[in-house]
Amino acid sequence: MATIKIKQVRSRIGCPKDQKRTLDALGLRKTGRVVEHNDNPAVRGMVAKVKHLVEIVQ
């Protein structure tokens, strides 16, 4: 299965609780961290919810 790497590029400070929980679900706790997940619609939806805080890296 294909995977994607997600990097947190902005701080979670001042974000609503639901966005903080989404970052937690993705495994992102600090700025600059990179996590790898299977590329599926659920993960893509979480990334879309916090698209201003994360980026997809190659």
PDB file of N, CA and C in Angstrom:
ATOM      1  N   MET A   1       0.842  -1.185   0.000  1.00  0.00           N
ATOM      2  CA  MET A   1       0.000   0.000   0.000  1.00  0.00           C
ATOM      3  C   MET A   1       0.887   1.248   0.000  1.00  0.00           C
ATOM      4  N   ALA A   2       0.446   2.272  -0.690  1.00  0.00           N
ATOM      5  CA  ALA A   2       1.194   3.521  -0.759  1.00  0.00           C
ATOM      6  C   ALA A   2       1.162   4.232   0.593  1.00  0.00           C
ATOM      7  N   THR A   3       2.222   4.981   0.861  1.00  0.00           N
ATOM      8  CA  THR A   3       2.288   5.750   2.099  1.00  0.00           C
ATOM      9  C   THR A   3       2.541   7.211   1.768  1.00  0.00           C
ATOM     10  N   ILE A   4       2.202   8.073   2.716  1.00  0.00           N
ATOM     11  CA  ILE A   4       2.499   9.495   2.581  1.00  0.00           C
ATOM     12  C   ILE A   4       3.220   9.942   3.841  1.00  0.00           C
ATOM     13  N   LYS A   5       4.101  10.922   3.688  1.00  0.00           N
ATOM     14  CA  LYS A   5       4.802  11.514   4.823  1.00  0.00           C
ATOM     15  C   LYS A   5       4.196  12.888   5.071  1.00  0.00           C
ATOM     16  N   ILE A   6       3.868  13.134   6.333  1.00  0.00           N
ATOM     17  CA  ILE A   6       3.214  14.378   6.721  1.00  0.00           C
ATOM     18  C   ILE A   6       4.119  15.089   7.707  1.00  0.00           C
ATOM     19  N   LYS A   7       4.369  16.378   7.469  1.00  0.00           N
ATOM     20  CA  LYS A   7       5.241  17.176   8.333  1.00  0.00           C
ATOM     21  C   LYS A   7       4.447  18.331   8.919  1.00  0.00           C
ATOM     22  N   GLN A   8       4.574  18.525  10.222  1.00  0.00           N
ATOM     23  CA  GLN A   8       3.929  19.673  10.864  1.00  0.00           C
ATOM     24  C   GLN A   8       4.835  20.881  10.680  1.00  0.00           C
ATOM     25  N   VAL A   9       4.302  21.939  10.072  1.00  0.00           N
ATOM     26  CA  VAL A   9       5.105  23.117   9.759  1.00  0.00           C
ATOM     27  C   VAL A   9       4.707  24.349  10.568  1.00  0.00           C
ATOM     28  N   ARG A  10       3.553  24.312  11.222  1.00  0.00           N
ATOM     29  CA  ARG A  10       3.135  25.433  12.052  1.00  0.00           C
ATOM     30  C   ARG A  10       2.694  24.924  13.410  1.00  0.00           C
ATOM     31  N   SER A  11       2.734  25.808  14.384  1.00  0.00           N
ATOM     32  CA  SER A  11       2.399  25.453  15.754  1.00  0.00           C
ATOM     33  C   SER A  11       0.903  25.241  15.933  1.00  0.00           C
ATOM     34  N   ARG A  12       0.578  24.399  16.901  1.00  0.00           N
ATOM     35  CA  ARG A  12      -0.818  24.134  17.232  1.00  0.00           C
ATOM     36  C   ARG A  12      -1.371  25.140  18.233  1.00  0.00           C
ATOM     37  N   ILE A  13      -0.532  26.034  18.732  1.00  0.00           N
ATOM     38  CA  ILE A  13      -0.965  27.018  19.728  1.00  0.00           C
ATOM     39  C   ILE A  13      -2.043  27.920  19.122  1.00  0.00           C
ATOM     40  N   GLY A  14      -3.144  28.058  19.819  1.00  0.00           N
ATOM     41  CA  GLY A  14      -4.235  28.910  19.372  1.00  0.00           C
ATOM     42  C   GLY A  14      -5.225  28.230  18.443  1.00  0.00           C
ATOM     43  N   CYS A  15      -5.000  26.970  18.127  1.00  0.00           N
ATOM     44  CA  CYS A  15      -5.920  26.233  17.251  1.00  0.00           C
ATOM     45  C   CYS A  15      -7.088  25.677  18.063  1.00  0.00           C
ATOM     46  N   PRO A  16      -8.219  25.470  17.412  1.00  0.00           N
ATOM     47  CA  PRO A  16      -9.356  24.845  18.101  1.00  0.00           C
ATOM     48  C   PRO A  16      -9.028  23.422  18.546  1.00  0.00           C
ATOM     49  N   LYS A  17      -9.772  22.940  19.535  1.00  0.00           N
ATOM     50  CA  LYS A  17      -9.533  21.610  20.094  1.00  0.00           C
ATOM     51  C   LYS A  17      -9.623  20.500  19.060  1.00  0.00           C
ATOM     52  N   ASP A  18     -10.585  20.609  18.147  1.00  0.00           N
ATOM     53  CA  ASP A  18     -10.738  19.537  17.159  1.00  0.00           C
ATOM     54  C   ASP A  18      -9.520  19.430  16.248  1.00  0.00           C
ATOM     55  N   GLN A  19      -8.874  20.554  15.936  1.00  0.00           N
ATOM     56  CA  GLN A  19      -7.670  20.507  15.118  1.00  0.00           C
ATOM     57  C   GLN A  19      -6.490  19.932  15.908  1.00  0.00           C
ATOM     58  N   LYS A  20      -6.415  20.246  17.191  1.00  0.00           N
ATOM     59  CA  LYS A  20      -5.360  19.671  18.038  1.00  0.00           C
ATOM     60  C   LYS A  20      -5.526  18.160  18.144  1.00  0.00           C
ATOM     61  N   ARG A  21      -6.773  17.712  18.262  1.00  0.00           N
ATOM     62  CA  ARG A  21      -7.041  16.271  18.333  1.00  0.00           C
ATOM     63  C   ARG A  21      -6.704  15.581  17.010  1.00  0.00           C
ATOM     64  N   THR A  22      -6.934  16.274  15.917  1.00  0.00           N
ATOM     65  CA  THR A  22      -6.587  15.709  14.610  1.00  0.00           C
ATOM     66  C   THR A  22      -5.076  15.552  14.492  1.00  0.00           C
ATOM     67  N   LEU A  23      -4.311  16.545  14.934  1.00  0.00           N
ATOM     68  CA  LEU A  23      -2.850  16.432  14.925  1.00  0.00           C
ATOM     69  C   LEU A  23      -2.398  15.277  15.818  1.00  0.00           C
ATOM     70  N   ASP A  24      -3.032  15.128  16.984  1.00  0.00           N
ATOM     71  CA  ASP A  24      -2.702  14.013  17.870  1.00  0.00           C
ATOM     72  C   ASP A  24      -2.976  12.676  17.191  1.00  0.00           C
ATOM     73  N   ALA A  25      -4.104  12.582  16.489  1.00  0.00           N
ATOM     74  CA  ALA A  25      -4.459  11.346  15.803  1.00  0.00           C
ATOM     75  C   ALA A  25      -3.459  11.012  14.699  1.00  0.00           C
ATOM     76  N   LEU A  26      -2.895  12.040  14.092  1.00  0.00           N
ATOM     77  CA  LEU A  26      -1.878  11.826  13.065  1.00  0.00           C
ATOM     78  C   LEU A  26      -0.516  11.513  13.677  1.00  0.00           C
ATOM     79  N   GLY A  27      -0.364  11.751  14.975  1.00  0.00           N
ATOM     80  CA  GLY A  27       0.911  11.488  15.631  1.00  0.00           C
ATOM     81  C   GLY A  27       1.854  12.666  15.607  1.00  0.00           C
ATOM     82  N   LEU A  28       1.323  13.858  15.356  1.00  0.00           N
ATOM     83  CA  LEU A  28       2.147  15.065  15.297  1.00  0.00           C
ATOM     84  C   LEU A  28       1.987  15.854  16.585  1.00  0.00           C
ATOM     85  N   ARG A  29       3.089  16.009  17.309  1.00  0.00           N
ATOM     86  CA  ARG A  29       3.037  16.715  18.575  1.00  0.00           C
ATOM     87  C   ARG A  29       3.913  17.968  18.583  1.00  0.00           C
ATOM     88  N   LYS A  30       4.938  18.006  17.750  1.00  0.00           N
ATOM     89  CA  LYS A  30       5.846  19.156  17.724  1.00  0.00           C
ATOM     90  C   LYS A  30       6.060  19.619  16.294  1.00  0.00           C
ATOM     91  N   THR A  31       6.331  20.910  16.144  1.00  0.00           N
ATOM     92  CA  THR A  31       6.626  21.471  14.836  1.00  0.00           C
ATOM     93  C   THR A  31       7.905  20.851  14.284  1.00  0.00           C
ATOM     94  N   GLY A  32       7.877  20.519  13.005  1.00  0.00           N
ATOM     95  CA  GLY A  32       9.052  19.950  12.354  1.00  0.00           C
ATOM     96  C   GLY A  32       9.090  18.436  12.325  1.00  0.00           C
ATOM     97  N   ARG A  33       8.196  17.784  13.028  1.00  0.00           N
ATOM     98  CA  ARG A  33       8.163  16.320  13.052  1.00  0.00           C
ATOM     99  C   ARG A  33       7.528  15.778  11.781  1.00  0.00           C
ATOM    100  N   VAL A  34       7.998  14.615  11.352  1.00  0.00           N
ATOM    101  CA  VAL A  34       7.461  13.951  10.157  1.00  0.00           C
ATOM    102  C   VAL A  34       6.960  12.571  10.561  1.00  0.00           C
ATOM    103  N   VAL A  35       5.759  12.237  10.113  1.00  0.00           N
ATOM    104  CA  VAL A  35       5.194  10.907  10.353  1.00  0.00           C
ATOM    105  C   VAL A  35       4.798  10.302   9.015  1.00  0.00           C
ATOM    106  N   GLU A  36       4.725   8.981   8.990  1.00  0.00           N
ATOM    107  CA  GLU A  36       4.360   8.272   7.763  1.00  0.00           C
ATOM    108  C   GLU A  36       3.101   7.458   8.025  1.00  0.00           C
ATOM    109  N   HIS A  37       2.118   7.603   7.140  1.00  0.00           N
ATOM    110  CA  HIS A  37       0.854   6.889   7.253  1.00  0.00           C
ATOM    111  C   HIS A  37       0.497   6.260   5.917  1.00  0.00           C
ATOM    112  N   ASN A  38      -0.363   5.255   5.963  1.00  0.00           N
ATOM    113  CA  ASN A  38      -0.908   4.700   4.729  1.00  0.00           C
ATOM    114  C   ASN A  38      -1.750   5.764   4.042  1.00  0.00           C
ATOM    115  N   ASP A  39      -1.669   5.793   2.737  1.00  0.00           N
ATOM    116  CA  ASP A  39      -2.420   6.778   1.959  1.00  0.00           C
ATOM    117  C   ASP A  39      -3.826   6.248   1.725  1.00  0.00           C
ATOM    118  N   ASN A  40      -4.761   6.694   2.566  1.00  0.00           N
ATOM    119  CA  ASN A  40      -6.159   6.291   2.413  1.00  0.00           C
ATOM    120  C   ASN A  40      -7.062   7.507   2.641  1.00  0.00           C
ATOM    121  N   PRO A  41      -8.331   7.413   2.315  1.00  0.00           N
ATOM    122  CA  PRO A  41      -9.220   8.571   2.437  1.00  0.00           C
ATOM    123  C   PRO A  41      -9.324   9.136   3.860  1.00  0.00           C
ATOM    124  N   ALA A  42      -9.228   8.293   4.870  1.00  0.00           N
ATOM    125  CA  ALA A  42      -9.341   8.775   6.250  1.00  0.00           C
ATOM    126  C   ALA A  42      -8.172   9.702   6.595  1.00  0.00           C
ATOM    127  N   VAL A  43      -6.969   9.289   6.238  1.00  0.00           N
ATOM    128  CA  VAL A  43      -5.787  10.103   6.522  1.00  0.00           C
ATOM    129  C   VAL A  43      -5.811  11.369   5.675  1.00  0.00           C
ATOM    130  N   ARG A  44      -6.209  11.241   4.416  1.00  0.00           N
ATOM    131  CA  ARG A  44      -6.305  12.424   3.553  1.00  0.00           C
ATOM    132  C   ARG A  44      -7.309  13.434   4.116  1.00  0.00           C
ATOM    133  N   GLY A  45      -8.404  12.955   4.703  1.00  0.00           N
ATOM    134  CA  GLY A  45      -9.387  13.845   5.308  1.00  0.00           C
ATOM    135  C   GLY A  45      -8.832  14.572   6.516  1.00  0.00           C
ATOM    136  N   MET A  46      -8.039  13.857   7.329  1.00  0.00           N
ATOM    137  CA  MET A  46      -7.418  14.503   8.490  1.00  0.00           C
ATOM    138  C   MET A  46      -6.423  15.570   8.047  1.00  0.00           C
ATOM    139  N   VAL A  47      -5.657  15.265   7.000  1.00  0.00           N
ATOM    140  CA  VAL A  47      -4.692  16.242   6.480  1.00  0.00           C
ATOM    141  C   VAL A  47      -5.433  17.463   5.948  1.00  0.00           C
ATOM    142  N   ALA A  48      -6.548  17.255   5.276  1.00  0.00           N
ATOM    143  CA  ALA A  48      -7.323  18.370   4.736  1.00  0.00           C
ATOM    144  C   ALA A  48      -7.860  19.269   5.845  1.00  0.00           C
ATOM    145  N   LYS A  49      -8.176  18.667   6.986  1.00  0.00           N
ATOM    146  CA  LYS A  49      -8.729  19.447   8.104  1.00  0.00           C
ATOM    147  C   LYS A  49      -7.688  20.404   8.692  1.00  0.00           C
ATOM    148  N   VAL A  50      -6.423  19.988   8.672  1.00  0.00           N
ATOM    149  CA  VAL A  50      -5.359  20.819   9.257  1.00  0.00           C
ATOM    150  C   VAL A  50      -4.334  21.218   8.192  1.00  0.00           C
ATOM    151  N   LYS A  51      -4.808  21.458   6.978  1.00  0.00           N
ATOM    152  CA  LYS A  51      -3.904  21.731   5.853  1.00  0.00           C
ATOM    153  C   LYS A  51      -3.063  22.987   6.060  1.00  0.00           C
ATOM    154  N   HIS A  52      -3.507  23.902   6.914  1.00  0.00           N
ATOM    155  CA  HIS A  52      -2.745  25.119   7.172  1.00  0.00           C
ATOM    156  C   HIS A  52      -1.618  24.879   8.175  1.00  0.00           C
ATOM    157  N   LEU A  53      -1.591  23.715   8.803  1.00  0.00           N
ATOM    158  CA  LEU A  53      -0.573  23.399   9.803  1.00  0.00           C
ATOM    159  C   LEU A  53       0.432  22.351   9.321  1.00  0.00           C
ATOM    160  N   VAL A  54       0.097  21.611   8.272  1.00  0.00           N
ATOM    161  CA  VAL A  54       0.939  20.507   7.821  1.00  0.00           C
ATOM    162  C   VAL A  54       1.235  20.626   6.331  1.00  0.00           C
ATOM    163  N   GLU A  55       2.197  19.809   5.881  1.00  0.00           N
ATOM    164  CA  GLU A  55       2.457  19.685   4.449  1.00  0.00           C
ATOM    165  C   GLU A  55       2.841  18.246   4.157  1.00  0.00           C
ATOM    166  N   ILE A  56       2.594  17.832   2.939  1.00  0.00           N
ATOM    167  CA  ILE A  56       2.976  16.494   2.481  1.00  0.00           C
ATOM    168  C   ILE A  56       4.396  16.615   1.931  1.00  0.00           C
ATOM    169  N   VAL A  57       5.310  15.763   2.420  1.00  0.00           N
ATOM    170  CA  VAL A  57       6.691  15.780   1.951  1.00  0.00           C
ATOM    171  C   VAL A  57       6.957  14.514   1.151  1.00  0.00           C
ATOM    172  N   GLN A  58       7.911  14.588   0.278  1.00  0.00           N
ATOM    173  CA  GLN A  58       8.253  13.443  -0.578  1.00  0.00           C
ATOM    174  C   GLN A  58       9.294  12.568   0.067  1.00  0.00           C
TER     175      GLN A  58
END
